[in-house]
Amino acid sequence: MTNVEIEYCVPCGMLPRAQDLQESILEEFGEQVDQVALVTGDAGVFKVRVDGEQVFDKEEASYDEEAIVDSVRSRVGATA
């Protein structure tokens, strides 16, 4: 199964955005994912990893919730 991590900057107040993304991923994939974990960070971080592979970094791309969910989709169930 698939594990998703959302690392977000606590001092920057990114918890609501991380929670919204977590909810979107859980609504989209339900039991197809083992977990969608929120990981605290700092220094402006907002990264998403699927099974350890980074699929989003706000330093490299602008935040687009649909695009991030699509990136997760391409990896859900990809490993056996």
N, C-alpha and C. Protein backbone atom coordinates (compact mmCIF):
# COMPACT_ATOMS: atom_id res chain seq x y z
N MET A 1 0.84 -1.19 0.00
CA MET A 1 0.00 0.00 0.00
C MET A 1 0.88 1.25 0.00
N THR A 2 0.23 2.38 -0.06
CA THR A 2 0.91 3.65 -0.29
C THR A 2 0.92 4.51 0.97
N ASN A 3 2.06 5.13 1.24
CA ASN A 3 2.19 6.07 2.35
C ASN A 3 2.50 7.46 1.78
N VAL A 4 1.76 8.45 2.23
CA VAL A 4 1.94 9.82 1.78
C VAL A 4 2.36 10.67 2.98
N GLU A 5 3.35 11.52 2.78
CA GLU A 5 3.79 12.47 3.80
C GLU A 5 3.64 13.88 3.26
N ILE A 6 3.07 14.74 4.08
CA ILE A 6 2.97 16.16 3.75
C ILE A 6 3.79 16.90 4.81
N GLU A 7 4.94 17.42 4.41
CA GLU A 7 5.80 18.17 5.33
C GLU A 7 5.50 19.66 5.15
N TYR A 8 5.17 20.32 6.24
CA TYR A 8 4.74 21.71 6.15
C TYR A 8 5.44 22.56 7.21
N CYS A 9 5.56 23.84 6.93
CA CYS A 9 6.20 24.78 7.84
C CYS A 9 5.22 25.21 8.93
N VAL A 10 5.58 24.88 10.18
CA VAL A 10 4.73 25.26 11.32
C VAL A 10 4.76 26.78 11.54
N PRO A 11 5.96 27.41 11.65
CA PRO A 11 5.98 28.85 11.91
C PRO A 11 5.28 29.68 10.82
N CYS A 12 5.23 29.16 9.60
CA CYS A 12 4.62 29.90 8.49
C CYS A 12 3.10 29.80 8.50
N GLY A 13 2.55 28.95 9.35
CA GLY A 13 1.10 28.80 9.42
C GLY A 13 0.52 27.97 8.29
N MET A 14 1.27 26.98 7.82
CA MET A 14 0.82 26.17 6.68
C MET A 14 -0.01 24.95 7.09
N LEU A 15 -0.31 24.81 8.38
CA LEU A 15 -1.10 23.66 8.82
C LEU A 15 -2.46 23.58 8.12
N PRO A 16 -3.23 24.66 7.98
CA PRO A 16 -4.52 24.54 7.30
C PRO A 16 -4.39 24.03 5.86
N ARG A 17 -3.38 24.49 5.14
CA ARG A 17 -3.16 24.04 3.76
C ARG A 17 -2.81 22.55 3.76
N ALA A 18 -1.96 22.13 4.69
CA ALA A 18 -1.57 20.73 4.78
C ALA A 18 -2.78 19.86 5.12
N GLN A 19 -3.64 20.33 6.01
CA GLN A 19 -4.84 19.59 6.38
C GLN A 19 -5.81 19.49 5.21
N ASP A 20 -5.97 20.57 4.46
CA ASP A 20 -6.85 20.55 3.29
C ASP A 20 -6.36 19.53 2.26
N LEU A 21 -5.04 19.52 2.02
CA LEU A 21 -4.47 18.57 1.06
C LEU A 21 -4.63 17.14 1.57
N GLN A 22 -4.39 16.94 2.85
CA GLN A 22 -4.56 15.62 3.46
C GLN A 22 -5.99 15.13 3.25
N GLU A 23 -6.96 15.98 3.50
CA GLU A 23 -8.36 15.61 3.33
C GLU A 23 -8.67 15.28 1.87
N SER A 24 -8.15 16.07 0.94
CA SER A 24 -8.38 15.81 -0.49
C SER A 24 -7.82 14.45 -0.90
N ILE A 25 -6.62 14.14 -0.42
CA ILE A 25 -6.00 12.85 -0.76
C ILE A 25 -6.80 11.70 -0.16
N LEU A 26 -7.22 11.84 1.08
CA LEU A 26 -8.00 10.78 1.72
C LEU A 26 -9.37 10.60 1.05
N GLU A 27 -10.00 11.70 0.67
CA GLU A 27 -11.29 11.61 -0.01
C GLU A 27 -11.13 10.94 -1.38
N GLU A 28 -10.05 11.25 -2.08
CA GLU A 28 -9.83 10.72 -3.42
C GLU A 28 -9.46 9.24 -3.41
N PHE A 29 -8.61 8.83 -2.47
CA PHE A 29 -8.04 7.49 -2.52
C PHE A 29 -8.53 6.55 -1.42
N GLY A 30 -9.10 7.08 -0.36
CA GLY A 30 -9.66 6.25 0.71
C GLY A 30 -8.72 5.16 1.18
N GLU A 31 -9.18 3.93 1.10
CA GLU A 31 -8.42 2.79 1.60
C GLU A 31 -7.28 2.37 0.69
N GLN A 32 -7.07 3.06 -0.42
CA GLN A 32 -5.95 2.74 -1.30
C GLN A 32 -4.63 3.24 -0.73
N VAL A 33 -4.69 4.10 0.29
CA VAL A 33 -3.48 4.57 0.94
C VAL A 33 -3.48 4.09 2.39
N ASP A 34 -2.29 3.73 2.89
CA ASP A 34 -2.18 3.31 4.29
C ASP A 34 -2.28 4.50 5.23
N GLN A 35 -1.63 5.59 4.83
CA GLN A 35 -1.64 6.77 5.68
C GLN A 35 -1.34 8.02 4.87
N VAL A 36 -1.83 9.14 5.38
CA VAL A 36 -1.45 10.45 4.87
C VAL A 36 -1.00 11.22 6.11
N ALA A 37 0.31 11.25 6.30
CA ALA A 37 0.89 11.81 7.52
C ALA A 37 1.27 13.27 7.34
N LEU A 38 1.00 14.05 8.38
CA LEU A 38 1.46 15.43 8.43
C LEU A 38 2.77 15.46 9.21
N VAL A 39 3.80 16.02 8.60
CA VAL A 39 5.14 16.07 9.18
C VAL A 39 5.51 17.53 9.40
N THR A 40 5.81 17.89 10.64
CA THR A 40 6.14 19.28 10.94
C THR A 40 7.52 19.64 10.43
N GLY A 41 7.65 20.88 10.01
CA GLY A 41 8.92 21.39 9.51
C GLY A 41 9.00 22.89 9.76
N ASP A 42 10.03 23.50 9.18
CA ASP A 42 10.20 24.95 9.32
C ASP A 42 10.88 25.48 8.06
N ALA A 43 11.32 26.70 8.11
CA ALA A 43 12.04 27.33 7.00
C ALA A 43 11.23 27.37 5.70
N GLY A 44 9.90 27.49 5.82
CA GLY A 44 9.06 27.64 4.64
C GLY A 44 8.78 26.37 3.87
N VAL A 45 9.11 25.23 4.43
CA VAL A 45 8.97 23.95 3.72
C VAL A 45 7.50 23.60 3.46
N PHE A 46 7.24 23.07 2.29
CA PHE A 46 5.96 22.41 1.98
C PHE A 46 6.28 21.40 0.89
N LYS A 47 6.41 20.13 1.30
CA LYS A 47 6.77 19.06 0.39
C LYS A 47 5.81 17.91 0.56
N VAL A 48 5.61 17.18 -0.52
CA VAL A 48 4.76 15.99 -0.49
C VAL A 48 5.58 14.82 -1.02
N ARG A 49 5.56 13.72 -0.27
CA ARG A 49 6.28 12.51 -0.68
C ARG A 49 5.31 11.34 -0.70
N VAL A 50 5.49 10.47 -1.68
CA VAL A 50 4.71 9.24 -1.77
C VAL A 50 5.71 8.09 -1.70
N ASP A 51 5.58 7.25 -0.68
CA ASP A 51 6.51 6.14 -0.45
C ASP A 51 7.96 6.61 -0.52
N GLY A 52 8.22 7.78 0.07
CA GLY A 52 9.57 8.32 0.15
C GLY A 52 10.02 9.12 -1.06
N GLU A 53 9.26 9.08 -2.15
CA GLU A 53 9.62 9.81 -3.36
C GLU A 53 8.90 11.16 -3.39
N GLN A 54 9.68 12.23 -3.50
CA GLN A 54 9.09 13.57 -3.53
C GLN A 54 8.29 13.79 -4.80
N VAL A 55 7.04 14.24 -4.64
CA VAL A 55 6.19 14.53 -5.79
C VAL A 55 5.85 16.02 -5.87
N PHE A 56 6.14 16.77 -4.80
CA PHE A 56 5.88 18.22 -4.82
C PHE A 56 6.80 18.91 -3.84
N ASP A 57 7.30 20.08 -4.25
CA ASP A 57 8.09 20.96 -3.40
C ASP A 57 7.72 22.39 -3.80
N LYS A 58 7.24 23.16 -2.86
CA LYS A 58 6.80 24.53 -3.20
C LYS A 58 7.95 25.40 -3.70
N GLU A 59 9.19 24.98 -3.46
CA GLU A 59 10.35 25.70 -3.98
C GLU A 59 10.50 25.49 -5.49
N GLU A 60 9.91 24.40 -6.01
CA GLU A 60 10.07 24.05 -7.42
C GLU A 60 8.81 24.32 -8.26
N ALA A 61 7.66 24.39 -7.62
CA ALA A 61 6.40 24.57 -8.35
C ALA A 61 5.42 25.33 -7.48
N SER A 62 4.49 26.03 -8.12
CA SER A 62 3.47 26.72 -7.35
C SER A 62 2.44 25.72 -6.84
N TYR A 63 1.85 26.04 -5.71
CA TYR A 63 0.90 25.14 -5.07
C TYR A 63 -0.35 25.01 -5.92
N ASP A 64 -0.70 23.80 -6.28
CA ASP A 64 -1.91 23.49 -7.03
C ASP A 64 -2.43 22.16 -6.49
N GLU A 65 -3.45 22.23 -5.67
CA GLU A 65 -3.94 21.04 -4.97
C GLU A 65 -4.31 19.91 -5.95
N GLU A 66 -4.99 20.25 -7.03
CA GLU A 66 -5.39 19.23 -8.01
C GLU A 66 -4.17 18.56 -8.64
N ALA A 67 -3.16 19.34 -8.98
CA ALA A 67 -1.95 18.79 -9.59
C ALA A 67 -1.21 17.88 -8.61
N ILE A 68 -1.20 18.24 -7.33
CA ILE A 68 -0.55 17.41 -6.33
C ILE A 68 -1.30 16.09 -6.18
N VAL A 69 -2.64 16.15 -6.12
CA VAL A 69 -3.44 14.92 -6.02
C VAL A 69 -3.20 14.05 -7.25
N ASP A 70 -3.08 14.65 -8.43
CA ASP A 70 -2.77 13.88 -9.65
C ASP A 70 -1.41 13.21 -9.54
N SER A 71 -0.43 13.90 -8.97
CA SER A 71 0.89 13.30 -8.79
C SER A 71 0.82 12.10 -7.84
N VAL A 72 0.02 12.23 -6.82
CA VAL A 72 -0.17 11.11 -5.88
C VAL A 72 -0.87 9.97 -6.61
N ARG A 73 -1.86 10.29 -7.43
CA ARG A 73 -2.64 9.27 -8.17
C ARG A 73 -1.72 8.38 -9.00
N SER A 74 -0.74 8.98 -9.64
CA SER A 74 0.13 8.20 -10.52
C SER A 74 0.99 7.21 -9.74
N ARG A 75 1.04 7.36 -8.42
CA ARG A 75 1.87 6.46 -7.61
C ARG A 75 1.06 5.55 -6.69
N VAL A 76 -0.22 5.80 -6.54
CA VAL A 76 -1.04 4.94 -5.69
C VAL A 76 -1.19 3.58 -6.35
N GLY A 77 -0.81 2.55 -5.63
CA GLY A 77 -0.90 1.20 -6.14
C GLY A 77 0.17 0.84 -7.15
N ALA A 78 1.14 1.75 -7.36
CA ALA A 78 2.19 1.49 -8.35
C ALA A 78 3.21 0.48 -7.87
N THR A 79 3.31 0.34 -6.54
CA THR A 79 4.26 -0.63 -5.98
C THR A 79 3.51 -1.86 -5.52
N ALA A 80 4.16 -3.00 -5.60
CA ALA A 80 3.51 -4.25 -5.17
C ALA A 80 4.15 -4.77 -3.92
